[in-house]
C-alpha atoms as a PDB file:
ATOM      1  CA  UNK A   1      13.154  40.591  -3.294  1.00  0.00           C
ATOM      2  CA  UNK A   2      12.154  40.883  -6.892  1.00  0.00           C
ATOM      3  CA  UNK A   3      14.630  40.000  -9.386  1.00  0.00           C
ATOM      4  CA  UNK A   4      14.896  41.046 -12.985  1.00  0.00           C
ATOM      5  CA  UNK A   5      15.528  38.739 -15.755  1.00  0.00           C
ATOM      6  CA  UNK A   6      19.173  39.881 -16.203  1.00  0.00           C
ATOM      7  CA  UNK A   7      19.670  39.495 -12.454  1.00  0.00           C
ATOM      8  CA  UNK A   8      17.947  36.209 -12.567  1.00  0.00           C
ATOM      9  CA  UNK A   9      20.429  34.885 -15.377  1.00  0.00           C
ATOM     10  CA  UNK A  10      23.311  36.070 -13.343  1.00  0.00           C
ATOM     11  CA  UNK A  11      22.102  34.312 -10.004  1.00  0.00           C
ATOM     12  CA  UNK A  12      21.516  31.122 -11.906  1.00  0.00           C
ATOM     13  CA  UNK A  13      25.030  31.074 -13.312  1.00  0.00           C
ATOM     14  CA  UNK A  14      26.503  31.660  -9.917  1.00  0.00           C
ATOM     15  CA  UNK A  15      24.774  28.589  -8.576  1.00  0.00           C
ATOM     16  CA  UNK A  16      27.205  26.269 -10.241  1.00  0.00           C
ATOM     17  CA  UNK A  17      30.064  28.025  -8.401  1.00  0.00           C
ATOM     18  CA  UNK A  18      28.578  27.485  -4.919  1.00  0.00           C
ATOM     19  CA  UNK A  19      29.655  24.650  -2.457  1.00  0.00           C
ATOM     20  CA  UNK A  20      27.420  22.063  -1.296  1.00  0.00           C
ATOM     21  CA  UNK A  21      27.095  23.817   2.132  1.00  0.00           C
ATOM     22  CA  UNK A  22      26.285  27.106   0.345  1.00  0.00           C
ATOM     23  CA  UNK A  23      23.660  25.591  -1.821  1.00  0.00           C
ATOM     24  CA  UNK A  24      22.180  24.169   1.225  1.00  0.00           C
ATOM     25  CA  UNK A  25      21.776  27.415   2.864  1.00  0.00           C
ATOM     26  CA  UNK A  26      20.366  28.797  -0.499  1.00  0.00           C
ATOM     27  CA  UNK A  27      17.936  25.865  -0.562  1.00  0.00           C
ATOM     28  CA  UNK A  28      16.797  26.926   3.151  1.00  0.00           C
ATOM     29  CA  UNK A  29      16.493  30.463   2.048  1.00  0.00           C
ATOM     30  CA  UNK A  30      14.331  29.861  -1.054  1.00  0.00           C
ATOM     31  CA  UNK A  31      12.224  26.784   0.206  1.00  0.00           C
ATOM     32  CA  UNK A  32      11.889  27.767   3.858  1.00  0.00           C
ATOM     33  CA  UNK A  33      12.832  24.214   4.930  1.00  0.00           C
ATOM     34  CA  UNK A  34      15.964  22.179   5.011  1.00  0.00           C
ATOM     35  CA  UNK A  35      16.887  20.222   1.856  1.00  0.00           C
ATOM     36  CA  UNK A  36      16.021  16.525   1.664  1.00  0.00           C
ATOM     37  CA  UNK A  37      19.094  14.480   3.126  1.00  0.00           C
ATOM     38  CA  UNK A  38      21.321  12.991   0.453  1.00  0.00           C
ATOM     39  CA  UNK A  39      19.972  15.446  -2.231  1.00  0.00           C
ATOM     40  CA  UNK A  40      22.632  15.588  -4.969  1.00  0.00           C
ATOM     41  CA  UNK A  41      24.413  18.796  -5.876  1.00  0.00           C
ATOM     42  CA  UNK A  42      22.663  18.856  -9.181  1.00  0.00           C
ATOM     43  CA  UNK A  43      19.350  18.457  -7.666  1.00  0.00           C
ATOM     44  CA  UNK A  44      20.076  21.185  -5.309  1.00  0.00           C
ATOM     45  CA  UNK A  45      20.785  23.480  -8.015  1.00  0.00           C
ATOM     46  CA  UNK A  46      17.735  22.776  -9.957  1.00  0.00           C
ATOM     47  CA  UNK A  47      15.490  23.151  -6.900  1.00  0.00           C
ATOM     48  CA  UNK A  48      16.869  26.657  -6.160  1.00  0.00           C
ATOM     49  CA  UNK A  49      16.853  27.528  -9.677  1.00  0.00           C
ATOM     50  CA  UNK A  50      13.133  26.563  -9.962  1.00  0.00           C
ATOM     51  CA  UNK A  51      12.400  28.721  -7.039  1.00  0.00           C
ATOM     52  CA  UNK A  52      14.246  31.671  -8.462  1.00  0.00           C
ATOM     53  CA  UNK A  53      12.554  31.257 -11.875  1.00  0.00           C
ATOM     54  CA  UNK A  54       9.192  31.085 -10.143  1.00  0.00           C
ATOM     55  CA  UNK A  55       9.561  34.215  -8.250  1.00  0.00           C
ATOM     56  CA  UNK A  56      10.517  36.129 -11.507  1.00  0.00           C
ATOM     57  CA  UNK A  57       8.418  34.305 -14.115  1.00  0.00           C
ATOM     58  CA  UNK A  58       5.588  33.272 -12.000  1.00  0.00           C
ATOM     59  CA  UNK A  59       4.478  29.797 -10.652  1.00  0.00           C
ATOM     60  CA  UNK A  60       2.133  27.220 -12.103  1.00  0.00           C
ATOM     61  CA  UNK A  61      -1.327  28.286 -13.011  1.00  0.00           C
ATOM     62  CA  UNK A  62      -4.173  27.562 -10.653  1.00  0.00           C
ATOM     63  CA  UNK A  63      -5.674  25.058 -13.089  1.00  0.00           C
ATOM     64  CA  UNK A  64      -2.342  23.140 -13.353  1.00  0.00           C
ATOM     65  CA  UNK A  65      -2.077  23.040  -9.631  1.00  0.00           C
ATOM     66  CA  UNK A  66      -5.494  21.606  -9.352  1.00  0.00           C
ATOM     67  CA  UNK A  67      -4.624  19.067 -12.082  1.00  0.00           C
ATOM     68  CA  UNK A  68      -1.489  18.036 -10.229  1.00  0.00           C
ATOM     69  CA  UNK A  69      -3.431  17.780  -6.997  1.00  0.00           C
ATOM     70  CA  UNK A  70      -5.997  15.601  -8.590  1.00  0.00           C
ATOM     71  CA  UNK A  71      -3.315  13.373  -9.815  1.00  0.00           C
ATOM     72  CA  UNK A  72      -1.756  13.051  -6.459  1.00  0.00           C
ATOM     73  CA  UNK A  73      -4.913  12.157  -4.795  1.00  0.00           C
ATOM     74  CA  UNK A  74      -6.045   9.766  -7.417  1.00  0.00           C
ATOM     75  CA  UNK A  75      -2.706   7.994  -7.000  1.00  0.00           C
ATOM     76  CA  UNK A  76      -3.157   7.654  -3.323  1.00  0.00           C
ATOM     77  CA  UNK A  77      -6.574   6.153  -3.769  1.00  0.00           C
ATOM     78  CA  UNK A  78      -6.155   4.029  -6.846  1.00  0.00           C
ATOM     79  CA  UNK A  79      -5.644   0.439  -6.453  1.00  0.00           C
ATOM     80  CA  UNK A  80      -2.441  -1.056  -7.786  1.00  0.00           C
ATOM     81  CA  UNK A  81      -2.626  -2.002 -11.326  1.00  0.00           C
ATOM     82  CA  UNK A  82      -3.918  -5.580 -11.689  1.00  0.00           C
ATOM     83  CA  UNK A  83      -1.761  -8.055 -13.760  1.00  0.00           C
ATOM     84  CA  UNK A  84      -3.232  -8.876 -16.978  1.00  0.00           C
ATOM     85  CA  UNK A  85      -5.762 -11.743 -16.501  1.00  0.00           C
ATOM     86  CA  UNK A  86      -4.973 -14.614 -18.904  1.00  0.00           C
ATOM     87  CA  UNK A  87      -7.749 -17.418 -19.507  1.00  0.00           C
ATOM     88  CA  UNK A  88      -6.585 -20.845 -19.172  1.00  0.00           C
ATOM     89  CA  UNK A  89      -5.923 -22.166 -22.690  1.00  0.00           C
ATOM     90  CA  UNK A  90      -4.202 -18.871 -23.918  1.00  0.00           C
ATOM     91  CA  UNK A  91      -1.041 -19.570 -25.427  1.00  0.00           C
ATOM     92  CA  UNK A  92       1.902 -17.090 -25.363  1.00  0.00           C
ATOM     93  CA  UNK A  93       4.515 -17.299 -28.192  1.00  0.00           C
ATOM     94  CA  UNK A  94       7.911 -15.528 -27.759  1.00  0.00           C
ATOM     95  CA  UNK A  95      10.901 -15.495 -30.082  1.00  0.00           C
ATOM     96  CA  UNK A  96      14.276 -15.305 -28.207  1.00  0.00           C
ATOM     97  CA  UNK A  97      17.800 -16.149 -29.373  1.00  0.00           C
ATOM     98  CA  UNK A  98      16.424 -17.627 -32.627  1.00  0.00           C
ATOM     99  CA  UNK A  99      14.170 -19.950 -30.994  1.00  0.00           C
ATOM    100  CA  UNK A 100      10.372 -19.911 -30.705  1.00  0.00           C
ATOM    101  CA  UNK A 101       9.024 -20.302 -27.119  1.00  0.00           C
ATOM    102  CA  UNK A 102       5.450 -21.404 -26.422  1.00  0.00           C
ATOM    103  CA  UNK A 103       3.861 -21.030 -23.065  1.00  0.00           C
ATOM    104  CA  UNK A 104       0.317 -22.363 -22.176  1.00  0.00           C
ATOM    105  CA  UNK A 105      -1.575 -20.747 -19.630  1.00  0.00           C
ATOM    106  CA  UNK A 106      -3.156 -23.312 -17.088  1.00  0.00           C
ATOM    107  CA  UNK A 107      -5.747 -22.803 -14.357  1.00  0.00           C
ATOM    108  CA  UNK A 108      -2.777 -22.942 -11.750  1.00  0.00           C
ATOM    109  CA  UNK A 109       0.256 -21.669 -13.537  1.00  0.00           C
ATOM    110  CA  UNK A 110       2.055 -21.880 -16.903  1.00  0.00           C
ATOM    111  CA  UNK A 111       3.363 -24.752 -18.891  1.00  0.00           C
ATOM    112  CA  UNK A 112       6.460 -24.441 -20.773  1.00  0.00           C
ATOM    113  CA  UNK A 113       8.434 -27.418 -22.431  1.00  0.00           C
ATOM    114  CA  UNK A 114       6.179 -29.942 -20.582  1.00  0.00           C
ATOM    115  CA  UNK A 115       6.862 -28.548 -17.094  1.00  0.00           C
ATOM    116  CA  UNK A 116       4.664 -26.296 -15.053  1.00  0.00           C
ATOM    117  CA  UNK A 117       5.833 -23.023 -13.541  1.00  0.00           C
ATOM    118  CA  UNK A 118       3.978 -20.614 -10.986  1.00  0.00           C
ATOM    119  CA  UNK A 119       5.041 -17.442 -12.796  1.00  0.00           C
ATOM    120  CA  UNK A 120       5.945 -16.050 -16.194  1.00  0.00           C
ATOM    121  CA  UNK A 121       8.947 -14.442 -14.643  1.00  0.00           C
ATOM    122  CA  UNK A 122      10.448 -17.782 -13.805  1.00  0.00           C
ATOM    123  CA  UNK A 123       9.896 -18.856 -17.355  1.00  0.00           C
ATOM    124  CA  UNK A 124      11.478 -15.665 -18.720  1.00  0.00           C
ATOM    125  CA  UNK A 125      14.459 -16.015 -16.439  1.00  0.00           C
ATOM    126  CA  UNK A 126      14.823 -19.826 -17.709  1.00  0.00           C
ATOM    127  CA  UNK A 127      14.736 -18.719 -21.300  1.00  0.00           C
ATOM    128  CA  UNK A 128      17.126 -15.545 -21.131  1.00  0.00           C
ATOM    129  CA  UNK A 129      19.168 -16.467 -18.145  1.00  0.00           C
ATOM    130  CA  UNK A 130      18.496 -12.958 -16.641  1.00  0.00           C
ATOM    131  CA  UNK A 131      15.847 -11.436 -14.471  1.00  0.00           C
ATOM    132  CA  UNK A 132      12.926 -10.353 -16.484  1.00  0.00           C
ATOM    133  CA  UNK A 133       9.405  -9.304 -15.741  1.00  0.00           C
ATOM    134  CA  UNK A 134       7.515 -12.288 -17.077  1.00  0.00           C
ATOM    135  CA  UNK A 135       4.368 -10.199 -18.229  1.00  0.00           C
ATOM    136  CA  UNK A 136       6.807  -7.658 -19.988  1.00  0.00           C
ATOM    137  CA  UNK A 137       8.935 -10.460 -21.551  1.00  0.00           C
ATOM    138  CA  UNK A 138       5.968 -11.930 -23.031  1.00  0.00           C
ATOM    139  CA  UNK A 139       4.435  -8.616 -24.197  1.00  0.00           C
ATOM    140  CA  UNK A 140       1.687  -8.480 -21.703  1.00  0.00           C
ATOM    141  CA  UNK A 141       2.742  -4.937 -20.399  1.00  0.00           C
ATOM    142  CA  UNK A 142       2.893  -1.873 -22.687  1.00  0.00           C
ATOM    143  CA  UNK A 143       6.290  -0.880 -23.612  1.00  0.00           C
ATOM    144  CA  UNK A 144       8.212  -0.038 -26.874  1.00  0.00           C
ATOM    145  CA  UNK A 145       9.493  -3.146 -28.536  1.00  0.00           C
ATOM    146  CA  UNK A 146      11.499  -3.654 -31.502  1.00  0.00           C
ATOM    147  CA  UNK A 147       9.762  -6.093 -34.030  1.00  0.00           C
ATOM    148  CA  UNK A 148      12.288  -9.016 -33.346  1.00  0.00           C
ATOM    149  CA  UNK A 149      11.383  -8.853 -29.605  1.00  0.00           C
ATOM    150  CA  UNK A 150       7.602  -8.855 -30.104  1.00  0.00           C
ATOM    151  CA  UNK A 151       5.377 -11.587 -28.432  1.00  0.00           C
ATOM    152  CA  UNK A 152       2.300 -13.168 -29.882  1.00  0.00           C
ATOM    153  CA  UNK A 153      -0.655 -14.183 -27.827  1.00  0.00           C
ATOM    154  CA  UNK A 154      -3.338 -16.514 -29.019  1.00  0.00           C
ATOM    155  CA  UNK A 155      -6.178 -18.309 -27.426  1.00  0.00           C
ATOM    156  CA  UNK A 156      -6.276 -22.084 -27.896  1.00  0.00           C
ATOM    157  CA  UNK A 157      -9.763 -23.665 -27.558  1.00  0.00           C
ATOM    158  CA  UNK A 158     -10.147 -27.266 -26.881  1.00  0.00           C
END
């Protein structure tokens, strides 16, 4: 069943008026399989709309499909990203709440305010009172940060 551009637009508009039951039937018709359980109404509409558009406008190019397949297979075989390795003696400095916090990396943990901790996350929680990823809090993971939330890392040599 080939749809014209005008019929495609009309069909896409009618999807919003369908009940969830009717959307599930449409999903089965276009995807040749039942929809995933607990898929929201919005995602059902989007999935059906994609299939309709794909039929009229064409699908992904072969090169794009190969790239996606390569990404998928590399994700399955890639090891989990290693946490940043910090050498003992590295000093992490973070401004928070108008106070500068300094953490020293040890062989077996981290020192903050004279006490040894096993993880940066525990220190970040003690500083902020909320759950934080310690490496992210101290700026060791890439993210967009505002200047006031930046952390400094310096290597302290004996």
